[in-house]
Amino acid sequence: MIEGKRGSIPENLPPILKRLKIDPASYVKFINRSEKTRFGNFFGPIEKMRELAERFGKSFLKGQTAAAQLFSPG
């Protein structure tokens, strides 16, 4: 890392998948298969998808099961 370089990522930050709370094994499975089609228009942690569904007056959004598998619980 070059100190002060614009766009550099500090070395003390955890890996990106950990920061995004994504399970690495599930992510690899996701990008290597056609599981991308399991998501609708939204992609993110299951809790956020449920909040968004409620906001739109829906009981669910396509992809909630895939989101629960991809994103780690906490």
PDB file of N, CA and C in Angstrom:
ATOM      1  N   MET A   1       0.842  -1.176   0.000  1.00  0.00           N
ATOM      2  CA  MET A   1       0.000   0.000   0.000  1.00  0.00           C
ATOM      3  C   MET A   1       0.885   1.235   0.000  1.00  0.00           C
ATOM      4  N   ILE A   2       0.502   2.205  -0.770  1.00  0.00           N
ATOM      5  CA  ILE A   2       1.229   3.461  -0.819  1.00  0.00           C
ATOM      6  C   ILE A   2       0.464   4.460   0.034  1.00  0.00           C
ATOM      7  N   GLU A   3       1.102   4.961   1.088  1.00  0.00           N
ATOM      8  CA  GLU A   3       0.460   5.899   2.001  1.00  0.00           C
ATOM      9  C   GLU A   3      -0.050   7.129   1.269  1.00  0.00           C
ATOM     10  N   GLY A   4      -1.252   7.547   1.601  1.00  0.00           N
ATOM     11  CA  GLY A   4      -1.828   8.752   1.047  1.00  0.00           C
ATOM     12  C   GLY A   4      -2.325   8.630  -0.383  1.00  0.00           C
ATOM     13  N   LYS A   5      -2.138   7.478  -0.995  1.00  0.00           N
ATOM     14  CA  LYS A   5      -2.597   7.305  -2.375  1.00  0.00           C
ATOM     15  C   LYS A   5      -4.120   7.255  -2.387  1.00  0.00           C
ATOM     16  N   ARG A   6      -4.700   8.045  -3.245  1.00  0.00           N
ATOM     17  CA  ARG A   6      -6.152   8.069  -3.362  1.00  0.00           C
ATOM     18  C   ARG A   6      -6.657   6.679  -3.764  1.00  0.00           C
ATOM     19  N   GLY A   7      -7.677   6.208  -3.061  1.00  0.00           N
ATOM     20  CA  GLY A   7      -8.266   4.919  -3.372  1.00  0.00           C
ATOM     21  C   GLY A   7      -7.571   3.735  -2.723  1.00  0.00           C
ATOM     22  N   SER A   8      -6.529   3.988  -1.954  1.00  0.00           N
ATOM     23  CA  SER A   8      -5.851   2.873  -1.303  1.00  0.00           C
ATOM     24  C   SER A   8      -6.693   2.369  -0.131  1.00  0.00           C
ATOM     25  N   ILE A   9      -6.583   1.098   0.153  1.00  0.00           N
ATOM     26  CA  ILE A   9      -7.328   0.474   1.240  1.00  0.00           C
ATOM     27  C   ILE A   9      -6.372   0.267   2.406  1.00  0.00           C
ATOM     28  N   PRO A  10      -6.685   0.830   3.566  1.00  0.00           N
ATOM     29  CA  PRO A  10      -5.818   0.653   4.727  1.00  0.00           C
ATOM     30  C   PRO A  10      -5.617  -0.827   5.054  1.00  0.00           C
ATOM     31  N   GLU A  11      -4.400  -1.184   5.394  1.00  0.00           N
ATOM     32  CA  GLU A  11      -4.069  -2.586   5.665  1.00  0.00           C
ATOM     33  C   GLU A  11      -4.766  -3.141   6.899  1.00  0.00           C
ATOM     34  N   ASN A  12      -5.216  -2.267   7.791  1.00  0.00           N
ATOM     35  CA  ASN A  12      -5.835  -2.741   9.027  1.00  0.00           C
ATOM     36  C   ASN A  12      -7.297  -3.158   8.841  1.00  0.00           C
ATOM     37  N   LEU A  13      -7.876  -2.913   7.660  1.00  0.00           N
ATOM     38  CA  LEU A  13      -9.255  -3.325   7.410  1.00  0.00           C
ATOM     39  C   LEU A  13      -9.328  -4.826   7.144  1.00  0.00           C
ATOM     40  N   PRO A  14     -10.409  -5.462   7.616  1.00  0.00           N
ATOM     41  CA  PRO A  14     -10.593  -6.885   7.311  1.00  0.00           C
ATOM     42  C   PRO A  14     -10.853  -7.071   5.816  1.00  0.00           C
ATOM     43  N   PRO A  15     -10.728  -8.298   5.318  1.00  0.00           N
ATOM     44  CA  PRO A  15     -11.011  -8.571   3.902  1.00  0.00           C
ATOM     45  C   PRO A  15     -12.417  -8.099   3.524  1.00  0.00           C
ATOM     46  N   ILE A  16     -12.581  -7.751   2.271  1.00  0.00           N
ATOM     47  CA  ILE A  16     -13.840  -7.165   1.792  1.00  0.00           C
ATOM     48  C   ILE A  16     -15.053  -8.054   2.034  1.00  0.00           C
ATOM     49  N   LEU A  17     -14.944  -9.349   1.802  1.00  0.00           N
ATOM     50  CA  LEU A  17     -16.107 -10.220   2.021  1.00  0.00           C
ATOM     51  C   LEU A  17     -16.508 -10.229   3.490  1.00  0.00           C
ATOM     52  N   LYS A  18     -15.531 -10.177   4.379  1.00  0.00           N
ATOM     53  CA  LYS A  18     -15.833 -10.142   5.805  1.00  0.00           C
ATOM     54  C   LYS A  18     -16.528  -8.829   6.163  1.00  0.00           C
ATOM     55  N   ARG A  19     -16.059  -7.718   5.597  1.00  0.00           N
ATOM     56  CA  ARG A  19     -16.687  -6.423   5.859  1.00  0.00           C
ATOM     57  C   ARG A  19     -18.105  -6.381   5.336  1.00  0.00           C
ATOM     58  N   LEU A  20     -18.365  -7.055   4.226  1.00  0.00           N
ATOM     59  CA  LEU A  20     -19.709  -7.104   3.654  1.00  0.00           C
ATOM     60  C   LEU A  20     -20.566  -8.200   4.265  1.00  0.00           C
ATOM     61  N   LYS A  21     -19.973  -8.989   5.174  1.00  0.00           N
ATOM     62  CA  LYS A  21     -20.653 -10.096   5.855  1.00  0.00           C
ATOM     63  C   LYS A  21     -21.153 -11.134   4.859  1.00  0.00           C
ATOM     64  N   ILE A  22     -20.282 -11.472   3.898  1.00  0.00           N
ATOM     65  CA  ILE A  22     -20.606 -12.487   2.891  1.00  0.00           C
ATOM     66  C   ILE A  22     -19.754 -13.720   3.173  1.00  0.00           C
ATOM     67  N   ASP A  23     -20.403 -14.860   3.206  1.00  0.00           N
ATOM     68  CA  ASP A  23     -19.705 -16.123   3.407  1.00  0.00           C
ATOM     69  C   ASP A  23     -18.873 -16.435   2.163  1.00  0.00           C
ATOM     70  N   PRO A  24     -17.535 -16.551   2.289  1.00  0.00           N
ATOM     71  CA  PRO A  24     -16.680 -16.774   1.118  1.00  0.00           C
ATOM     72  C   PRO A  24     -17.049 -18.005   0.290  1.00  0.00           C
ATOM     73  N   ALA A  25     -17.338 -19.119   0.935  1.00  0.00           N
ATOM     74  CA  ALA A  25     -17.675 -20.339   0.190  1.00  0.00           C
ATOM     75  C   ALA A  25     -18.969 -20.155  -0.604  1.00  0.00           C
ATOM     76  N   SER A  26     -19.945 -19.521   0.012  1.00  0.00           N
ATOM     77  CA  SER A  26     -21.207 -19.268  -0.692  1.00  0.00           C
ATOM     78  C   SER A  26     -21.006 -18.290  -1.834  1.00  0.00           C
ATOM     79  N   TYR A  27     -20.108 -17.320  -1.653  1.00  0.00           N
ATOM     80  CA  TYR A  27     -19.837 -16.343  -2.711  1.00  0.00           C
ATOM     81  C   TYR A  27     -19.219 -17.022  -3.929  1.00  0.00           C
ATOM     82  N   VAL A  28     -18.269 -17.898  -3.690  1.00  0.00           N
ATOM     83  CA  VAL A  28     -17.628 -18.615  -4.801  1.00  0.00           C
ATOM     84  C   VAL A  28     -18.667 -19.463  -5.533  1.00  0.00           C
ATOM     85  N   LYS A  29     -19.517 -20.138  -4.775  1.00  0.00           N
ATOM     86  CA  LYS A  29     -20.581 -20.938  -5.384  1.00  0.00           C
ATOM     87  C   LYS A  29     -21.501 -20.029  -6.206  1.00  0.00           C
ATOM     88  N   PHE A  30     -21.823 -18.867  -5.659  1.00  0.00           N
ATOM     89  CA  PHE A  30     -22.705 -17.921  -6.329  1.00  0.00           C
ATOM     90  C   PHE A  30     -22.133 -17.438  -7.654  1.00  0.00           C
ATOM     91  N   ILE A  31     -20.868 -17.062  -7.683  1.00  0.00           N
ATOM     92  CA  ILE A  31     -20.296 -16.499  -8.911  1.00  0.00           C
ATOM     93  C   ILE A  31     -19.953 -17.555  -9.943  1.00  0.00           C
ATOM     94  N   ASN A  32     -19.832 -18.812  -9.523  1.00  0.00           N
ATOM     95  CA  ASN A  32     -19.477 -19.878 -10.452  1.00  0.00           C
ATOM     96  C   ASN A  32     -20.683 -20.614 -11.033  1.00  0.00           C
ATOM     97  N   ARG A  33     -21.868 -20.297 -10.610  1.00  0.00           N
ATOM     98  CA  ARG A  33     -23.050 -21.011 -11.070  1.00  0.00           C
ATOM     99  C   ARG A  33     -24.102 -20.047 -11.574  1.00  0.00           C
ATOM    100  N   SER A  34     -25.174 -20.597 -11.992  1.00  0.00           N
ATOM    101  CA  SER A  34     -26.272 -19.771 -12.496  1.00  0.00           C
ATOM    102  C   SER A  34     -27.161 -19.276 -11.370  1.00  0.00           C
ATOM    103  N   GLU A  35     -26.634 -19.270 -10.141  1.00  0.00           N
ATOM    104  CA  GLU A  35     -27.444 -18.830  -9.013  1.00  0.00           C
ATOM    105  C   GLU A  35     -27.759 -17.349  -9.083  1.00  0.00           C
ATOM    106  N   LYS A  36     -27.075 -16.627  -9.935  1.00  0.00           N
ATOM    107  CA  LYS A  36     -27.349 -15.197 -10.096  1.00  0.00           C
ATOM    108  C   LYS A  36     -28.808 -14.980 -10.475  1.00  0.00           C
ATOM    109  N   THR A  37     -29.373 -15.940 -11.186  1.00  0.00           N
ATOM    110  CA  THR A  37     -30.760 -15.806 -11.617  1.00  0.00           C
ATOM    111  C   THR A  37     -31.731 -15.983 -10.463  1.00  0.00           C
ATOM    112  N   ARG A  38     -31.249 -16.427  -9.332  1.00  0.00           N
ATOM    113  CA  ARG A  38     -32.126 -16.610  -8.182  1.00  0.00           C
ATOM    114  C   ARG A  38     -32.496 -15.278  -7.540  1.00  0.00           C
ATOM    115  N   PHE A  39     -31.775 -14.217  -7.892  1.00  0.00           N
ATOM    116  CA  PHE A  39     -32.076 -12.903  -7.352  1.00  0.00           C
ATOM    117  C   PHE A  39     -32.946 -12.138  -8.328  1.00  0.00           C
ATOM    118  N   GLY A  40     -33.827 -11.316  -7.789  1.00  0.00           N
ATOM    119  CA  GLY A  40     -34.658 -10.457  -8.616  1.00  0.00           C
ATOM    120  C   GLY A  40     -33.924  -9.145  -8.847  1.00  0.00           C
ATOM    121  N   ASN A  41     -34.593  -8.071  -8.525  1.00  0.00           N
ATOM    122  CA  ASN A  41     -34.017  -6.746  -8.718  1.00  0.00           C
ATOM    123  C   ASN A  41     -33.179  -6.271  -7.542  1.00  0.00           C
ATOM    124  N   PHE A  42     -33.183  -6.997  -6.456  1.00  0.00           N
ATOM    125  CA  PHE A  42     -32.473  -6.585  -5.250  1.00  0.00           C
ATOM    126  C   PHE A  42     -31.510  -7.661  -4.804  1.00  0.00           C
ATOM    127  N   PHE A  43     -30.449  -7.219  -4.168  1.00  0.00           N
ATOM    128  CA  PHE A  43     -29.394  -8.130  -3.743  1.00  0.00           C
ATOM    129  C   PHE A  43     -28.818  -7.577  -2.449  1.00  0.00           C
ATOM    130  N   GLY A  44     -28.804  -8.358  -1.401  1.00  0.00           N
ATOM    131  CA  GLY A  44     -28.243  -7.894  -0.145  1.00  0.00           C
ATOM    132  C   GLY A  44     -28.597  -8.835   0.985  1.00  0.00           C
ATOM    133  N   PRO A  45     -28.204  -8.455   2.199  1.00  0.00           N
ATOM    134  CA  PRO A  45     -28.517  -9.282   3.364  1.00  0.00           C
ATOM    135  C   PRO A  45     -30.025  -9.474   3.505  1.00  0.00           C
ATOM    136  N   ILE A  46     -30.408 -10.626   3.978  1.00  0.00           N
ATOM    137  CA  ILE A  46     -31.824 -10.992   4.088  1.00  0.00           C
ATOM    138  C   ILE A  46     -32.611  -9.971   4.900  1.00  0.00           C
ATOM    139  N   GLU A  47     -32.000  -9.439   5.958  1.00  0.00           N
ATOM    140  CA  GLU A  47     -32.699  -8.465   6.797  1.00  0.00           C
ATOM    141  C   GLU A  47     -33.057  -7.217   5.987  1.00  0.00           C
ATOM    142  N   LYS A  48     -32.130  -6.763   5.169  1.00  0.00           N
ATOM    143  CA  LYS A  48     -32.370  -5.577   4.343  1.00  0.00           C
ATOM    144  C   LYS A  48     -33.413  -5.856   3.265  1.00  0.00           C
ATOM    145  N   MET A  49     -33.379  -7.061   2.721  1.00  0.00           N
ATOM    146  CA  MET A  49     -34.368  -7.422   1.706  1.00  0.00           C
ATOM    147  C   MET A  49     -35.766  -7.471   2.315  1.00  0.00           C
ATOM    148  N   ARG A  50     -35.867  -7.988   3.542  1.00  0.00           N
ATOM    149  CA  ARG A  50     -37.173  -8.032   4.211  1.00  0.00           C
ATOM    150  C   ARG A  50     -37.681  -6.623   4.506  1.00  0.00           C
ATOM    151  N   GLU A  51     -36.770  -5.748   4.939  1.00  0.00           N
ATOM    152  CA  GLU A  51     -37.150  -4.353   5.192  1.00  0.00           C
ATOM    153  C   GLU A  51     -37.651  -3.697   3.900  1.00  0.00           C
ATOM    154  N   LEU A  52     -36.974  -3.964   2.815  1.00  0.00           N
ATOM    155  CA  LEU A  52     -37.344  -3.378   1.531  1.00  0.00           C
ATOM    156  C   LEU A  52     -38.693  -3.923   1.050  1.00  0.00           C
ATOM    157  N   ALA A  53     -38.911  -5.215   1.230  1.00  0.00           N
ATOM    158  CA  ALA A  53     -40.191  -5.813   0.855  1.00  0.00           C
ATOM    159  C   ALA A  53     -41.324  -5.145   1.627  1.00  0.00           C
ATOM    160  N   GLU A  54     -41.116  -4.963   2.917  1.00  0.00           N
ATOM    161  CA  GLU A  54     -42.135  -4.324   3.748  1.00  0.00           C
ATOM    162  C   GLU A  54     -42.390  -2.886   3.278  1.00  0.00           C
ATOM    163  N   ARG A  55     -41.324  -2.204   2.953  1.00  0.00           N
ATOM    164  CA  ARG A  55     -41.435  -0.819   2.471  1.00  0.00           C
ATOM    165  C   ARG A  55     -42.276  -0.730   1.195  1.00  0.00           C
ATOM    166  N   PHE A  56     -42.167  -1.750   0.343  1.00  0.00           N
ATOM    167  CA  PHE A  56     -42.935  -1.780  -0.896  1.00  0.00           C
ATOM    168  C   PHE A  56     -44.284  -2.487  -0.750  1.00  0.00           C
ATOM    169  N   GLY A  57     -44.629  -2.854   0.485  1.00  0.00           N
ATOM    170  CA  GLY A  57     -45.911  -3.508   0.722  1.00  0.00           C
ATOM    171  C   GLY A  57     -45.971  -4.929   0.223  1.00  0.00           C
ATOM    172  N   LYS A  58     -44.820  -5.585   0.126  1.00  0.00           N
ATOM    173  CA  LYS A  58     -44.741  -6.968  -0.347  1.00  0.00           C
ATOM    174  C   LYS A  58     -44.460  -7.887   0.840  1.00  0.00           C
ATOM    175  N   SER A  59     -44.846  -9.138   0.713  1.00  0.00           N
ATOM    176  CA  SER A  59     -44.543 -10.091   1.770  1.00  0.00           C
ATOM    177  C   SER A  59     -43.147 -10.682   1.602  1.00  0.00           C
ATOM    178  N   PHE A  60     -42.615 -10.584   0.380  1.00  0.00           N
ATOM    179  CA  PHE A  60     -41.262 -11.088   0.126  1.00  0.00           C
ATOM    180  C   PHE A  60     -40.735 -10.489  -1.175  1.00  0.00           C
ATOM    181  N   LEU A  61     -39.434 -10.615  -1.383  1.00  0.00           N
ATOM    182  CA  LEU A  61     -38.794 -10.239  -2.641  1.00  0.00           C
ATOM    183  C   LEU A  61     -38.091 -11.473  -3.191  1.00  0.00           C
ATOM    184  N   LYS A  62     -38.108 -11.637  -4.494  1.00  0.00           N
ATOM    185  CA  LYS A  62     -37.400 -12.751  -5.109  1.00  0.00           C
ATOM    186  C   LYS A  62     -35.932 -12.683  -4.710  1.00  0.00           C
ATOM    187  N   GLY A  63     -35.394 -13.802  -4.247  1.00  0.00           N
ATOM    188  CA  GLY A  63     -33.985 -13.877  -3.903  1.00  0.00           C
ATOM    189  C   GLY A  63     -33.703 -13.928  -2.420  1.00  0.00           C
ATOM    190  N   GLN A  64     -34.731 -13.887  -1.600  1.00  0.00           N
ATOM    191  CA  GLN A  64     -34.482 -13.912  -0.156  1.00  0.00           C
ATOM    192  C   GLN A  64     -33.801 -15.194   0.297  1.00  0.00           C
ATOM    193  N   THR A  65     -34.157 -16.311  -0.276  1.00  0.00           N
ATOM    194  CA  THR A  65     -33.519 -17.581   0.101  1.00  0.00           C
ATOM    195  C   THR A  65     -32.051 -17.564  -0.315  1.00  0.00           C
ATOM    196  N   ALA A  66     -31.777 -17.092  -1.528  1.00  0.00           N
ATOM    197  CA  ALA A  66     -30.396 -17.005  -1.994  1.00  0.00           C
ATOM    198  C   ALA A  66     -29.590 -16.023  -1.140  1.00  0.00           C
ATOM    199  N   ALA A  67     -30.203 -14.925  -0.746  1.00  0.00           N
ATOM    200  CA  ALA A  67     -29.534 -13.946   0.100  1.00  0.00           C
ATOM    201  C   ALA A  67     -29.196 -14.551   1.454  1.00  0.00           C
ATOM    202  N   ALA A  68     -30.117 -15.321   2.009  1.00  0.00           N
ATOM    203  CA  ALA A  68     -29.860 -15.953   3.300  1.00  0.00           C
ATOM    204  C   ALA A  68     -28.699 -16.927   3.223  1.00  0.00           C
ATOM    205  N   GLN A  69     -28.527 -17.586   2.089  1.00  0.00           N
ATOM    206  CA  GLN A  69     -27.423 -18.522   1.911  1.00  0.00           C
ATOM    207  C   GLN A  69     -26.117 -17.810   1.649  1.00  0.00           C
ATOM    208  N   LEU A  70     -26.165 -16.680   0.946  1.00  0.00           N
ATOM    209  CA  LEU A  70     -24.948 -15.977   0.558  1.00  0.00           C
ATOM    210  C   LEU A  70     -24.371 -15.132   1.683  1.00  0.00           C
ATOM    211  N   PHE A  71     -25.212 -14.398   2.362  1.00  0.00           N
ATOM    212  CA  PHE A  71     -24.731 -13.505   3.404  1.00  0.00           C
ATOM    213  C   PHE A  71     -24.722 -14.212   4.742  1.00  0.00           C
ATOM    214  N   SER A  72     -23.625 -14.071   5.467  1.00  0.00           N
ATOM    215  CA  SER A  72     -23.528 -14.703   6.780  1.00  0.00           C
ATOM    216  C   SER A  72     -24.399 -13.944   7.770  1.00  0.00           C
ATOM    217  N   PRO A  73     -24.840 -14.604   8.840  1.00  0.00           N
ATOM    218  CA  PRO A  73     -25.801 -14.014   9.754  1.00  0.00           C
ATOM    219  C   PRO A  73     -25.300 -12.818  10.580  1.00  0.00           C
ATOM    220  N   GLY A  74     -24.074 -12.579  10.703  1.00  0.00           N
ATOM    221  CA  GLY A  74     -23.743 -11.459  11.569  1.00  0.00           C
ATOM    222  C   GLY A  74     -22.377 -11.076  11.509  1.00  0.00           C
TER     223      GLY A  74
END
